[in-house]
N, C-alpha and C. Protein backbone atom coordinates (compact mmCIF):
# COMPACT_ATOMS: atom_id res chain seq x y z
N MET A 1 0.82 -1.22 0.00
CA MET A 1 0.00 0.00 0.00
C MET A 1 0.86 1.27 0.00
N ASP A 2 2.12 1.13 0.42
CA ASP A 2 2.98 2.31 0.44
C ASP A 2 3.32 2.79 -0.96
N LEU A 3 3.09 1.96 -1.97
CA LEU A 3 3.40 2.34 -3.35
C LEU A 3 2.27 3.10 -4.01
N ILE A 4 1.14 3.20 -3.35
CA ILE A 4 -0.04 3.84 -3.94
C ILE A 4 -0.14 5.27 -3.42
N PRO A 5 -0.36 6.24 -4.29
CA PRO A 5 -0.55 7.63 -3.82
C PRO A 5 -1.73 7.73 -2.86
N PHE A 6 -1.60 8.55 -1.85
CA PHE A 6 -2.65 8.68 -0.85
C PHE A 6 -2.70 10.11 -0.35
N ILE A 7 -3.75 10.38 0.40
CA ILE A 7 -3.91 11.68 1.05
C ILE A 7 -3.94 11.43 2.55
N GLY A 8 -3.06 12.08 3.28
CA GLY A 8 -3.02 11.91 4.72
C GLY A 8 -4.09 12.71 5.42
N ARG A 9 -4.62 12.16 6.50
CA ARG A 9 -5.67 12.83 7.26
C ARG A 9 -5.58 12.44 8.72
N ASP A 10 -5.70 13.41 9.60
CA ASP A 10 -5.69 13.14 11.03
C ASP A 10 -6.97 12.44 11.44
N ASP A 11 -6.83 11.44 12.26
CA ASP A 11 -7.99 10.71 12.78
C ASP A 11 -7.88 10.67 14.29
N HIS A 12 -8.79 11.33 14.97
CA HIS A 12 -8.73 11.42 16.43
C HIS A 12 -9.10 10.10 17.10
N ASN A 13 -9.70 9.18 16.34
CA ASN A 13 -10.11 7.91 16.92
C ASN A 13 -9.00 6.85 16.85
N HIS A 14 -7.89 7.18 16.19
CA HIS A 14 -6.79 6.23 16.07
C HIS A 14 -5.49 6.92 16.47
N THR A 15 -4.53 6.08 16.88
CA THR A 15 -3.24 6.63 17.31
C THR A 15 -2.39 7.06 16.13
N THR A 16 -2.64 6.51 14.95
CA THR A 16 -1.86 6.86 13.76
C THR A 16 -2.75 7.61 12.78
N ASP A 17 -2.09 8.32 11.87
CA ASP A 17 -2.83 9.07 10.85
C ASP A 17 -3.43 8.11 9.83
N CYS A 18 -4.54 8.53 9.26
CA CYS A 18 -5.22 7.72 8.25
C CYS A 18 -4.68 8.07 6.86
N LYS A 19 -4.74 7.11 5.97
CA LYS A 19 -4.37 7.31 4.58
C LYS A 19 -5.59 7.04 3.71
N LEU A 20 -5.92 7.99 2.87
CA LEU A 20 -7.06 7.85 1.99
C LEU A 20 -6.57 7.58 0.57
N PHE A 21 -7.11 6.50 -0.04
CA PHE A 21 -6.72 6.11 -1.39
C PHE A 21 -7.91 6.24 -2.33
N TRP A 22 -7.59 6.50 -3.59
CA TRP A 22 -8.62 6.40 -4.62
C TRP A 22 -8.90 4.92 -4.87
N SER A 23 -10.17 4.59 -4.96
CA SER A 23 -10.54 3.18 -5.10
C SER A 23 -9.97 2.55 -6.37
N ASP A 24 -9.82 3.31 -7.44
CA ASP A 24 -9.30 2.75 -8.69
C ASP A 24 -7.79 2.52 -8.63
N ASP A 25 -7.10 3.24 -7.74
CA ASP A 25 -5.64 3.11 -7.68
C ASP A 25 -5.20 1.77 -7.09
N VAL A 26 -6.01 1.20 -6.21
CA VAL A 26 -5.61 -0.05 -5.55
C VAL A 26 -5.54 -1.21 -6.54
N PRO A 27 -6.61 -1.51 -7.30
CA PRO A 27 -6.49 -2.61 -8.28
C PRO A 27 -5.50 -2.31 -9.40
N ARG A 28 -5.35 -1.02 -9.73
CA ARG A 28 -4.39 -0.67 -10.78
C ARG A 28 -2.96 -1.00 -10.34
N MET A 29 -2.63 -0.69 -9.09
CA MET A 29 -1.29 -1.00 -8.58
C MET A 29 -1.09 -2.51 -8.46
N ALA A 30 -2.13 -3.22 -8.05
CA ALA A 30 -2.02 -4.68 -7.96
C ALA A 30 -1.71 -5.30 -9.32
N LYS A 31 -2.32 -4.75 -10.35
CA LYS A 31 -2.07 -5.25 -11.70
C LYS A 31 -0.64 -4.95 -12.15
N GLU A 32 -0.12 -3.78 -11.79
CA GLU A 32 1.25 -3.42 -12.15
C GLU A 32 2.26 -4.33 -11.45
N LEU A 33 1.97 -4.73 -10.23
CA LEU A 33 2.91 -5.55 -9.46
C LEU A 33 2.94 -7.00 -9.92
N GLU A 34 1.96 -7.43 -10.69
CA GLU A 34 1.90 -8.83 -11.13
C GLU A 34 3.16 -9.22 -11.92
N VAL A 35 3.66 -8.31 -12.73
CA VAL A 35 4.82 -8.64 -13.58
C VAL A 35 6.09 -8.81 -12.76
N TYR A 36 6.10 -8.27 -11.52
CA TYR A 36 7.29 -8.37 -10.68
C TYR A 36 7.25 -9.57 -9.74
N LEU A 37 6.19 -10.37 -9.83
CA LEU A 37 6.08 -11.55 -8.98
C LEU A 37 6.79 -12.77 -9.57
N ASN A 38 7.18 -12.68 -10.81
CA ASN A 38 7.87 -13.81 -11.45
C ASN A 38 9.29 -13.94 -10.91
N PRO A 39 9.82 -15.15 -10.89
CA PRO A 39 11.21 -15.36 -10.43
C PRO A 39 12.20 -14.57 -11.28
N GLY A 40 13.18 -13.96 -10.62
CA GLY A 40 14.19 -13.18 -11.32
C GLY A 40 13.82 -11.72 -11.50
N ALA A 41 12.65 -11.32 -11.01
CA ALA A 41 12.21 -9.93 -11.17
C ALA A 41 12.44 -9.10 -9.92
N GLU A 42 13.28 -9.63 -9.02
CA GLU A 42 13.50 -8.93 -7.76
C GLU A 42 14.12 -7.54 -7.97
N GLN A 43 15.14 -7.47 -8.83
CA GLN A 43 15.79 -6.18 -9.06
C GLN A 43 14.85 -5.20 -9.75
N ALA A 44 14.07 -5.70 -10.67
CA ALA A 44 13.09 -4.84 -11.34
C ALA A 44 12.06 -4.31 -10.34
N LEU A 45 11.71 -5.15 -9.36
CA LEU A 45 10.76 -4.72 -8.34
C LEU A 45 11.36 -3.61 -7.49
N GLU A 46 12.65 -3.75 -7.13
CA GLU A 46 13.31 -2.72 -6.34
C GLU A 46 13.40 -1.41 -7.11
N ASP A 47 13.69 -1.52 -8.41
CA ASP A 47 13.75 -0.31 -9.24
C ASP A 47 12.38 0.37 -9.30
N PHE A 48 11.35 -0.46 -9.37
CA PHE A 48 9.99 0.10 -9.41
C PHE A 48 9.67 0.82 -8.10
N LYS A 49 10.08 0.22 -6.99
CA LYS A 49 9.83 0.85 -5.69
C LYS A 49 10.56 2.18 -5.58
N GLN A 50 11.80 2.22 -6.09
CA GLN A 50 12.56 3.46 -6.05
C GLN A 50 11.88 4.55 -6.87
N SER A 51 11.33 4.16 -8.01
CA SER A 51 10.63 5.15 -8.85
C SER A 51 9.39 5.69 -8.15
N ARG A 52 8.75 4.85 -7.36
CA ARG A 52 7.56 5.29 -6.62
C ARG A 52 7.94 6.26 -5.51
N LYS A 53 9.17 6.13 -4.98
CA LYS A 53 9.61 7.05 -3.94
C LYS A 53 9.70 8.47 -4.48
N TYR A 54 10.16 8.58 -5.74
CA TYR A 54 10.21 9.90 -6.35
C TYR A 54 8.81 10.47 -6.51
N ALA A 55 7.87 9.61 -6.85
CA ALA A 55 6.48 10.07 -6.97
C ALA A 55 5.94 10.52 -5.63
N ASP A 56 6.26 9.76 -4.57
CA ASP A 56 5.82 10.15 -3.23
C ASP A 56 6.45 11.47 -2.82
N SER A 57 7.71 11.67 -3.22
CA SER A 57 8.38 12.93 -2.90
C SER A 57 7.69 14.10 -3.58
N ASP A 58 7.27 13.89 -4.83
CA ASP A 58 6.54 14.94 -5.54
C ASP A 58 5.22 15.25 -4.86
N ILE A 59 4.53 14.20 -4.40
CA ILE A 59 3.25 14.40 -3.72
C ILE A 59 3.44 15.19 -2.43
N ASP A 60 4.50 14.86 -1.69
CA ASP A 60 4.78 15.61 -0.46
C ASP A 60 5.09 17.07 -0.77
N HIS A 61 5.84 17.29 -1.86
CA HIS A 61 6.18 18.66 -2.23
C HIS A 61 4.93 19.43 -2.63
N ILE A 62 4.02 18.77 -3.32
CA ILE A 62 2.76 19.42 -3.69
C ILE A 62 1.97 19.82 -2.45
N ALA A 63 1.97 18.95 -1.44
CA ALA A 63 1.26 19.26 -0.19
C ALA A 63 1.88 20.48 0.49
N VAL A 64 3.22 20.55 0.47
CA VAL A 64 3.91 21.69 1.07
C VAL A 64 3.57 22.98 0.33
N CYS A 65 3.58 22.91 -1.01
CA CYS A 65 3.26 24.09 -1.82
C CYS A 65 1.81 24.52 -1.61
N SER A 66 0.92 23.54 -1.50
CA SER A 66 -0.49 23.85 -1.28
C SER A 66 -0.70 24.55 0.06
N ALA A 67 -0.02 24.05 1.10
CA ALA A 67 -0.13 24.68 2.42
C ALA A 67 0.42 26.10 2.39
N TRP A 68 1.54 26.30 1.69
CA TRP A 68 2.12 27.64 1.58
C TRP A 68 1.18 28.56 0.83
N SER A 69 0.56 28.05 -0.25
CA SER A 69 -0.36 28.87 -1.04
C SER A 69 -1.57 29.29 -0.21
N ASN A 70 -2.11 28.35 0.57
CA ASN A 70 -3.26 28.68 1.42
C ASN A 70 -2.89 29.73 2.46
N LYS A 71 -1.70 29.58 3.03
CA LYS A 71 -1.25 30.55 4.02
C LYS A 71 -1.06 31.92 3.40
N ASP A 72 -0.52 31.96 2.18
CA ASP A 72 -0.33 33.23 1.50
C ASP A 72 -1.66 33.87 1.13
N ASP A 73 -2.64 33.05 0.71
CA ASP A 73 -3.97 33.58 0.40
C ASP A 73 -4.61 34.21 1.63
N ASN A 74 -4.48 33.53 2.77
CA ASN A 74 -5.04 34.08 4.01
C ASN A 74 -4.34 35.38 4.41
N ARG A 75 -3.04 35.43 4.18
CA ARG A 75 -2.29 36.65 4.50
C ARG A 75 -2.75 37.81 3.63
N GLN A 76 -2.92 37.55 2.33
CA GLN A 76 -3.37 38.60 1.43
C GLN A 76 -4.80 39.04 1.76
N LEU A 77 -5.66 38.08 2.12
CA LEU A 77 -7.02 38.42 2.49
C LEU A 77 -7.05 39.29 3.74
N SER A 78 -6.22 38.94 4.72
CA SER A 78 -6.15 39.73 5.94
C SER A 78 -5.64 41.14 5.65
N ARG A 79 -4.66 41.23 4.77
CA ARG A 79 -4.12 42.54 4.40
C ARG A 79 -5.16 43.37 3.67
N ALA A 80 -5.93 42.73 2.78
CA ALA A 80 -6.97 43.44 2.04
C ALA A 80 -8.05 43.97 2.98
N ARG A 81 -8.44 43.17 3.96
CA ARG A 81 -9.44 43.62 4.93
C ARG A 81 -8.91 44.78 5.77
N GLU A 82 -7.64 44.71 6.14
CA GLU A 82 -7.04 45.79 6.92
C GLU A 82 -7.01 47.09 6.12
N LEU A 83 -6.61 46.99 4.85
CA LEU A 83 -6.59 48.17 3.99
C LEU A 83 -7.99 48.73 3.78
N SER A 84 -8.96 47.83 3.60
CA SER A 84 -10.33 48.28 3.39
C SER A 84 -10.85 49.04 4.59
N SER A 85 -10.54 48.55 5.80
CA SER A 85 -10.97 49.23 7.02
C SER A 85 -10.31 50.60 7.14
N GLN A 86 -9.01 50.66 6.88
CA GLN A 86 -8.30 51.93 6.97
C GLN A 86 -8.79 52.93 5.92
N ASN A 87 -8.96 52.45 4.69
CA ASN A 87 -9.39 53.34 3.61
C ASN A 87 -10.82 53.82 3.81
N THR A 88 -11.66 52.96 4.41
CA THR A 88 -13.04 53.38 4.69
C THR A 88 -13.06 54.54 5.66
N GLU A 89 -12.27 54.43 6.73
CA GLU A 89 -12.19 55.53 7.70
C GLU A 89 -11.64 56.80 7.04
N LEU A 90 -10.64 56.62 6.19
CA LEU A 90 -10.05 57.77 5.50
C LEU A 90 -11.05 58.41 4.55
N PHE A 91 -11.80 57.58 3.83
CA PHE A 91 -12.80 58.10 2.90
C PHE A 91 -13.89 58.86 3.64
N GLN A 92 -14.35 58.30 4.75
CA GLN A 92 -15.39 58.97 5.53
C GLN A 92 -14.91 60.33 6.02
N ALA A 93 -13.69 60.38 6.53
CA ALA A 93 -13.16 61.64 7.04
C ALA A 93 -13.04 62.68 5.92
N ARG A 94 -12.61 62.24 4.75
CA ARG A 94 -12.44 63.19 3.65
C ARG A 94 -13.79 63.67 3.12
N LEU A 95 -14.78 62.78 3.06
CA LEU A 95 -16.11 63.19 2.60
C LEU A 95 -16.74 64.20 3.56
N VAL A 96 -16.58 63.95 4.85
CA VAL A 96 -17.09 64.91 5.84
C VAL A 96 -16.34 66.23 5.72
N GLY A 97 -15.04 66.14 5.45
CA GLY A 97 -14.26 67.36 5.26
C GLY A 97 -14.68 68.16 4.05
N LEU A 98 -15.27 67.48 3.06
CA LEU A 98 -15.77 68.17 1.87
C LEU A 98 -17.16 68.76 2.07
N GLY A 99 -17.73 68.56 3.27
CA GLY A 99 -19.02 69.17 3.58
C GLY A 99 -20.20 68.23 3.60
N HIS A 100 -19.99 66.95 3.40
CA HIS A 100 -21.09 65.99 3.42
C HIS A 100 -21.49 65.66 4.86
N ASP A 101 -22.77 65.32 5.02
CA ASP A 101 -23.29 65.01 6.35
C ASP A 101 -22.62 63.75 6.89
N ALA A 102 -22.13 63.82 8.12
CA ALA A 102 -21.39 62.70 8.70
C ALA A 102 -22.25 61.46 8.85
N LYS A 103 -23.54 61.63 9.24
CA LYS A 103 -24.42 60.48 9.41
C LYS A 103 -24.72 59.81 8.08
N ASP A 104 -24.91 60.61 7.03
CA ASP A 104 -25.16 60.04 5.71
C ASP A 104 -23.94 59.28 5.21
N VAL A 105 -22.78 59.82 5.45
CA VAL A 105 -21.54 59.15 5.02
C VAL A 105 -21.38 57.82 5.75
N GLU A 106 -21.60 57.83 7.05
CA GLU A 106 -21.48 56.60 7.83
C GLU A 106 -22.51 55.57 7.38
N ARG A 107 -23.72 56.03 7.10
CA ARG A 107 -24.78 55.13 6.65
C ARG A 107 -24.45 54.51 5.30
N MET A 108 -23.85 55.29 4.41
CA MET A 108 -23.49 54.79 3.09
C MET A 108 -22.50 53.63 3.19
N PHE A 109 -21.48 53.79 4.01
CA PHE A 109 -20.47 52.74 4.12
C PHE A 109 -20.94 51.59 5.00
N GLU A 110 -21.98 51.82 5.79
CA GLU A 110 -22.49 50.75 6.65
C GLU A 110 -23.25 49.71 5.85
N TYR A 111 -23.98 50.14 4.82
CA TYR A 111 -24.83 49.24 4.06
C TYR A 111 -24.28 48.91 2.68
N HIS A 112 -23.15 49.47 2.30
CA HIS A 112 -22.59 49.21 0.97
C HIS A 112 -21.10 48.91 1.10
N HIS A 113 -20.67 47.89 0.38
CA HIS A 113 -19.25 47.52 0.37
C HIS A 113 -18.62 48.00 -0.93
N TYR A 114 -17.52 48.67 -0.81
CA TYR A 114 -16.82 49.19 -1.97
C TYR A 114 -15.48 48.44 -2.08
N GLY A 115 -15.43 47.48 -3.02
CA GLY A 115 -14.24 46.65 -3.18
C GLY A 115 -13.00 47.42 -3.56
N VAL A 116 -13.17 48.61 -4.15
CA VAL A 116 -12.01 49.40 -4.58
C VAL A 116 -11.19 49.88 -3.39
N LEU A 117 -11.74 49.80 -2.20
CA LEU A 117 -11.04 50.33 -1.03
C LEU A 117 -10.10 49.31 -0.40
N ASP A 118 -10.01 48.11 -0.98
CA ASP A 118 -9.12 47.11 -0.40
C ASP A 118 -7.72 47.16 -0.99
N LYS A 119 -7.42 48.25 -1.70
CA LYS A 119 -6.08 48.47 -2.24
C LYS A 119 -5.53 49.78 -1.69
N GLU A 120 -4.24 49.98 -1.90
CA GLU A 120 -3.62 51.20 -1.39
C GLU A 120 -4.26 52.43 -2.02
N LEU A 121 -4.63 53.37 -1.19
CA LEU A 121 -5.34 54.57 -1.65
C LEU A 121 -4.33 55.68 -1.90
N THR A 122 -3.85 55.75 -3.11
CA THR A 122 -2.89 56.79 -3.48
C THR A 122 -3.63 58.07 -3.85
N GLY A 123 -2.87 59.14 -4.05
CA GLY A 123 -3.49 60.40 -4.44
C GLY A 123 -4.22 60.31 -5.77
N ALA A 124 -3.63 59.57 -6.72
CA ALA A 124 -4.26 59.42 -8.03
C ALA A 124 -5.56 58.63 -7.93
N ARG A 125 -5.56 57.57 -7.12
CA ARG A 125 -6.78 56.77 -6.96
C ARG A 125 -7.85 57.58 -6.23
N TRP A 126 -7.43 58.39 -5.28
CA TRP A 126 -8.40 59.22 -4.56
C TRP A 126 -9.10 60.18 -5.52
N LYS A 127 -8.34 60.84 -6.38
CA LYS A 127 -8.94 61.78 -7.33
C LYS A 127 -9.88 61.07 -8.30
N ARG A 128 -9.56 59.84 -8.62
CA ARG A 128 -10.40 59.09 -9.55
C ARG A 128 -11.66 58.53 -8.88
N LEU A 129 -11.57 58.20 -7.60
CA LEU A 129 -12.69 57.56 -6.92
C LEU A 129 -13.66 58.54 -6.28
N ILE A 130 -13.18 59.68 -5.81
CA ILE A 130 -14.04 60.59 -5.06
C ILE A 130 -15.27 61.03 -5.84
N PRO A 131 -15.19 61.34 -7.16
CA PRO A 131 -16.42 61.72 -7.88
C PRO A 131 -17.45 60.60 -7.92
N LYS A 132 -16.98 59.35 -8.07
CA LYS A 132 -17.90 58.21 -8.12
C LYS A 132 -18.59 58.02 -6.77
N VAL A 133 -17.82 58.14 -5.69
CA VAL A 133 -18.39 57.95 -4.35
C VAL A 133 -19.36 59.08 -4.01
N GLU A 134 -19.02 60.30 -4.39
CA GLU A 134 -19.93 61.43 -4.14
C GLU A 134 -21.23 61.26 -4.93
N ARG A 135 -21.13 60.77 -6.15
CA ARG A 135 -22.33 60.53 -6.95
C ARG A 135 -23.20 59.43 -6.33
N LYS A 136 -22.55 58.39 -5.82
CA LYS A 136 -23.29 57.32 -5.15
C LYS A 136 -23.96 57.84 -3.88
N LEU A 137 -23.27 58.69 -3.15
CA LEU A 137 -23.85 59.26 -1.93
C LEU A 137 -25.07 60.09 -2.26
N ALA A 138 -25.02 60.87 -3.33
CA ALA A 138 -26.16 61.69 -3.74
C ALA A 138 -27.35 60.80 -4.11
N GLU A 139 -27.10 59.69 -4.80
CA GLU A 139 -28.17 58.76 -5.16
C GLU A 139 -28.81 58.16 -3.91
N LEU A 140 -27.99 57.76 -2.96
CA LEU A 140 -28.51 57.18 -1.73
C LEU A 140 -29.30 58.20 -0.92
N GLN A 141 -28.82 59.42 -0.87
CA GLN A 141 -29.54 60.47 -0.14
C GLN A 141 -30.92 60.70 -0.74
N GLU A 142 -31.03 60.64 -2.06
CA GLU A 142 -32.33 60.79 -2.71
C GLU A 142 -33.23 59.61 -2.39
N GLU A 143 -32.68 58.40 -2.37
CA GLU A 143 -33.46 57.22 -2.00
C GLU A 143 -33.96 57.34 -0.56
N TRP A 144 -33.10 57.78 0.33
CA TRP A 144 -33.50 57.92 1.73
C TRP A 144 -34.57 59.00 1.88
N ARG A 145 -34.46 60.09 1.12
CA ARG A 145 -35.45 61.16 1.19
C ARG A 145 -36.82 60.66 0.74
N LEU A 146 -36.86 59.92 -0.36
CA LEU A 146 -38.13 59.37 -0.86
C LEU A 146 -38.70 58.35 0.12
N GLU A 147 -37.82 57.58 0.73
CA GLU A 147 -38.29 56.59 1.71
C GLU A 147 -38.91 57.28 2.92
N ASN A 148 -38.28 58.32 3.43
CA ASN A 148 -38.83 59.07 4.56
C ASN A 148 -40.14 59.75 4.18
N GLN A 149 -40.21 60.25 2.96
CA GLN A 149 -41.44 60.88 2.49
C GLN A 149 -42.58 59.87 2.42
N ARG A 150 -42.27 58.68 1.94
CA ARG A 150 -43.30 57.64 1.85
C ARG A 150 -43.78 57.24 3.25
N LYS A 151 -42.85 57.11 4.19
CA LYS A 151 -43.24 56.73 5.54
C LYS A 151 -44.09 57.81 6.20
N ALA A 152 -43.84 59.08 5.84
CA ALA A 152 -44.62 60.17 6.43
C ALA A 152 -46.05 60.20 5.88
N ILE A 153 -46.23 59.74 4.64
CA ILE A 153 -47.56 59.76 4.02
C ILE A 153 -48.39 58.56 4.45
N ILE A 154 -47.80 57.39 4.45
CA ILE A 154 -48.51 56.16 4.79
C ILE A 154 -48.48 55.96 6.30
N PRO A 155 -49.66 55.86 6.94
CA PRO A 155 -49.68 55.66 8.40
C PRO A 155 -49.17 54.27 8.75
N PRO A 156 -48.70 54.11 9.96
CA PRO A 156 -48.26 52.79 10.39
C PRO A 156 -49.39 51.78 10.32
N GLN A 157 -49.06 50.51 10.22
CA GLN A 157 -50.06 49.47 10.09
C GLN A 157 -50.97 49.40 11.30
N ASN A 158 -50.45 49.73 12.47
CA ASN A 158 -51.28 49.64 13.67
C ASN A 158 -52.07 50.91 13.94
N PHE A 159 -51.97 51.91 13.04
CA PHE A 159 -52.67 53.17 13.26
C PHE A 159 -54.17 52.97 13.20
N LEU A 160 -54.66 52.29 12.16
CA LEU A 160 -56.09 52.07 12.02
C LEU A 160 -56.63 51.21 13.16
N LYS A 161 -55.84 50.28 13.62
CA LYS A 161 -56.28 49.45 14.73
C LYS A 161 -56.46 50.29 15.99
N LEU A 162 -55.56 51.23 16.23
CA LEU A 162 -55.70 52.10 17.39
C LEU A 162 -56.92 53.00 17.26
N CYS A 163 -57.20 53.46 16.03
CA CYS A 163 -58.40 54.27 15.81
C CYS A 163 -59.66 53.48 16.11
N ASP A 164 -59.66 52.21 15.69
CA ASP A 164 -60.82 51.36 15.96
C ASP A 164 -61.03 51.20 17.46
N VAL A 165 -59.95 51.05 18.20
CA VAL A 165 -60.06 50.91 19.65
C VAL A 165 -60.61 52.19 20.26
N ALA A 166 -60.11 53.34 19.78
CA ALA A 166 -60.59 54.61 20.31
C ALA A 166 -62.07 54.80 20.01
N GLU A 167 -62.49 54.42 18.82
CA GLU A 167 -63.91 54.54 18.45
C GLU A 167 -64.76 53.61 19.29
N PHE A 168 -64.24 52.43 19.58
CA PHE A 168 -64.97 51.47 20.40
C PHE A 168 -65.17 52.02 21.82
N ILE A 169 -64.12 52.65 22.36
CA ILE A 169 -64.22 53.22 23.70
C ILE A 169 -65.21 54.38 23.72
N LYS A 170 -65.18 55.18 22.65
CA LYS A 170 -66.06 56.35 22.57
C LYS A 170 -67.52 55.94 22.43
N SER A 171 -67.78 54.93 21.62
CA SER A 171 -69.16 54.48 21.37
C SER A 171 -69.23 52.98 21.51
N PRO A 172 -69.31 52.48 22.72
CA PRO A 172 -69.37 51.03 22.91
C PRO A 172 -70.68 50.47 22.35
N PRO A 173 -70.70 49.23 21.93
CA PRO A 173 -71.91 48.64 21.37
C PRO A 173 -73.01 48.52 22.41
N THR A 174 -74.25 48.57 21.94
CA THR A 174 -75.42 48.42 22.80
C THR A 174 -76.04 47.06 22.56
N GLU A 175 -77.12 46.81 23.27
CA GLU A 175 -77.81 45.54 23.07
C GLU A 175 -78.68 45.57 21.82
N ASP A 176 -78.91 46.78 21.29
CA ASP A 176 -79.71 46.92 20.08
C ASP A 176 -78.80 46.76 18.87
N LYS A 177 -78.84 45.60 18.22
CA LYS A 177 -77.96 45.32 17.09
C LYS A 177 -78.22 46.27 15.94
N GLU A 178 -79.51 46.60 15.71
CA GLU A 178 -79.84 47.49 14.59
C GLU A 178 -79.25 48.87 14.82
N SER A 179 -79.31 49.35 16.08
CA SER A 179 -78.74 50.66 16.40
C SER A 179 -77.23 50.65 16.22
N ASP A 180 -76.60 49.56 16.60
CA ASP A 180 -75.15 49.45 16.44
C ASP A 180 -74.76 49.51 14.97
N ILE A 181 -75.55 48.93 14.10
CA ILE A 181 -75.25 48.94 12.66
C ILE A 181 -75.32 50.35 12.12
N TYR A 182 -76.36 51.12 12.57
CA TYR A 182 -76.48 52.52 12.13
C TYR A 182 -75.26 53.32 12.57
N VAL A 183 -74.83 53.13 13.83
CA VAL A 183 -73.68 53.87 14.35
C VAL A 183 -72.43 53.51 13.56
N PHE A 184 -72.26 52.23 13.24
CA PHE A 184 -71.09 51.80 12.49
C PHE A 184 -71.10 52.39 11.08
N ALA A 185 -72.26 52.41 10.46
CA ALA A 185 -72.36 52.92 9.10
C ALA A 185 -72.12 54.42 9.03
N GLU A 186 -72.46 55.15 10.10
CA GLU A 186 -72.25 56.60 10.10
C GLU A 186 -70.77 56.96 10.04
N GLY A 187 -69.92 56.02 10.41
CA GLY A 187 -68.49 56.29 10.35
C GLY A 187 -67.94 56.25 8.95
N PHE A 188 -68.76 55.86 7.98
CA PHE A 188 -68.34 55.79 6.59
C PHE A 188 -69.28 56.66 5.77
N PRO A 189 -68.88 57.88 5.42
CA PRO A 189 -69.76 58.82 4.71
C PRO A 189 -70.29 58.27 3.41
N ASP A 190 -69.52 57.46 2.73
CA ASP A 190 -69.95 56.95 1.44
C ASP A 190 -70.86 55.74 1.56
N ALA A 191 -70.98 55.21 2.78
CA ALA A 191 -71.78 54.00 2.94
C ALA A 191 -73.27 54.36 2.92
N ARG A 192 -74.06 53.46 2.39
CA ARG A 192 -75.51 53.62 2.34
C ARG A 192 -76.14 52.40 2.98
N TYR A 193 -76.73 52.63 4.16
CA TYR A 193 -77.32 51.51 4.88
C TYR A 193 -78.79 51.43 4.55
N HIS A 194 -79.23 50.27 4.22
CA HIS A 194 -80.64 50.04 3.90
C HIS A 194 -81.20 49.08 4.94
N ASP A 195 -82.32 49.49 5.53
CA ASP A 195 -82.96 48.66 6.54
C ASP A 195 -83.74 47.57 5.83
N THR A 196 -83.25 46.36 5.97
CA THR A 196 -83.90 45.25 5.29
C THR A 196 -85.15 44.78 6.01
N THR A 197 -85.40 45.32 7.22
CA THR A 197 -86.58 44.89 7.97
C THR A 197 -87.83 45.64 7.54
N LYS A 198 -87.64 46.78 6.83
CA LYS A 198 -88.79 47.56 6.38
C LYS A 198 -88.95 47.42 4.88
N PRO A 199 -90.19 47.31 4.40
CA PRO A 199 -90.40 47.17 2.95
C PRO A 199 -90.06 48.46 2.25
N ARG A 200 -89.45 48.34 1.06
CA ARG A 200 -89.11 49.51 0.27
C ARG A 200 -90.33 49.97 -0.52
N ASN A 201 -90.38 51.29 -0.69
CA ASN A 201 -91.47 51.86 -1.49
C ASN A 201 -91.25 51.54 -2.95
N ARG A 202 -92.24 50.98 -3.55
CA ARG A 202 -92.14 50.63 -4.95
C ARG A 202 -92.96 51.61 -5.78
N ARG A 203 -92.42 51.92 -6.92
CA ARG A 203 -93.16 52.81 -7.81
C ARG A 203 -94.37 52.07 -8.38
N PRO A 204 -95.46 52.81 -8.54
CA PRO A 204 -96.66 52.16 -9.11
C PRO A 204 -96.42 51.77 -10.56
């Protein structure tokens, strides 16, 4: 089994590490070894084993490179996040310095991610980015203004329910169901209540 490529994995339930093999590799290796089982093939078998050691060395080297690559990716990601945080604070300070409302600026960066800020913010990049960010801030401010305007026009959902409660307290129902219907209908100017208990006048 040492001649077959494998992937090492820690196993907490065993004292030794586990080796994971591809299912197709096991019968393939068994078939390759058949030719070395004949008498006189001992040296050829040793040569084959030596060649497999080089393959194992390559696999180990690949694992080392993969671990280094993952570590480098994490380092770059951490650096990008650090730059983004620093540049965000710098952008907010500069926008406020240009006269923009501090709360609006903070709100813009709170709900929107700007990927361009994860790189070094040079003077040239600042001059190129500031018009775009100011334009975005103006668009968001208009959206917020319309949203506040809409909320001011449309009453809260529980407003009508509170009105109904107030009306109920002001005019509680009586035992006369017909009288209660008249009182309820009076609250709707466009409503037309017809007494179904009385016959309607018919034209001759």
